[in-house]
Protein backbone atom coordinates (compact mmCIF):
# COMPACT_ATOMS: atom_id res chain seq x y z
CA UNK A 1 2.58 15.15 5.45
CA UNK A 2 1.77 11.47 5.18
CA UNK A 3 4.23 9.10 6.82
CA UNK A 4 5.80 6.99 5.51
CA UNK A 5 6.38 8.99 2.37
CA UNK A 6 5.92 7.59 -1.12
CA UNK A 7 9.60 8.25 -1.85
CA UNK A 8 10.65 6.16 1.16
CA UNK A 9 8.61 3.21 -0.13
CA UNK A 10 9.81 3.31 -3.75
CA UNK A 11 12.67 0.81 -3.19
CA UNK A 12 10.02 -1.79 -2.27
CA UNK A 13 8.37 -1.70 -5.73
CA UNK A 14 9.38 -1.40 -9.36
CA UNK A 15 7.89 2.06 -10.05
CA UNK A 16 5.90 4.89 -8.49
CA UNK A 17 2.80 3.97 -10.51
CA UNK A 18 2.78 0.46 -9.03
CA UNK A 19 3.14 1.84 -5.51
CA UNK A 20 0.31 4.34 -5.94
CA UNK A 21 -1.91 1.62 -7.41
CA UNK A 22 -1.18 -0.64 -4.42
CA UNK A 23 -1.93 2.16 -1.96
CA UNK A 24 -5.20 3.09 -3.66
CA UNK A 25 -6.44 -0.51 -3.90
CA UNK A 26 -5.63 -1.21 -0.25
CA UNK A 27 -7.08 2.12 0.94
CA UNK A 28 -10.31 1.29 -0.90
CA UNK A 29 -10.42 -2.13 0.82
CA UNK A 30 -9.89 -0.52 4.23
CA UNK A 31 -12.54 2.11 3.48
CA UNK A 32 -14.97 -0.69 2.59
CA UNK A 33 -14.40 -2.40 5.96
CA UNK A 34 -11.41 -4.70 5.45
CA UNK A 35 -9.49 -5.28 8.70
CA UNK A 36 -6.21 -3.46 9.25
CA UNK A 37 -3.12 -5.65 8.95
CA UNK A 38 -1.15 -3.62 11.51
CA UNK A 39 -1.79 -1.81 14.78
CA UNK A 40 -1.93 1.92 14.10
CA UNK A 41 -3.41 5.09 15.52
CA UNK A 42 -4.10 6.37 12.01
CA UNK A 43 -7.69 6.69 10.88
CA UNK A 44 -7.09 7.67 7.26
CA UNK A 45 -7.22 4.69 4.86
CA UNK A 46 -4.37 5.99 2.66
CA UNK A 47 -2.06 6.43 5.65
CA UNK A 48 -2.94 2.97 6.96
CA UNK A 49 -2.22 1.46 3.52
CA UNK A 50 1.16 3.23 3.38
CA UNK A 51 2.03 1.96 6.86
CA UNK A 52 1.02 -1.60 5.92
CA UNK A 53 3.26 -1.50 2.85
CA UNK A 54 6.14 -0.08 4.91
CA UNK A 55 5.68 -2.92 7.42
CA UNK A 56 5.90 -5.48 4.63
CA UNK A 57 2.33 -6.70 5.11
CA UNK A 58 1.42 -5.96 1.48
CA UNK A 59 3.58 -6.73 -1.51
CA UNK A 60 3.21 -6.19 -5.23
CA UNK A 61 2.20 -9.33 -7.07
CA UNK A 62 2.13 -9.78 -10.80
CA UNK A 63 0.59 -12.50 -12.94
CA UNK A 64 3.03 -15.02 -14.36
CA UNK A 65 2.90 -13.41 -17.82
CA UNK A 66 4.35 -10.19 -16.34
CA UNK A 67 1.35 -7.97 -17.07
CA UNK A 68 0.18 -5.75 -14.21
CA UNK A 69 -2.96 -6.82 -12.35
């Protein structure tokens, strides 16, 4: 099972959809060669993205009008 779990990270965002979107966008960036924001032994982009969110390195941002990015 992937650690940290999605359920453990839900308090950091407004909804599960937003969290999954964040994870997928960041995992895609990592997969395309973006540097990791944390030290980790993980090699899977999704796990790295989850760990970065848990560490507070990535946060949800919304445009000023409130619409999702």
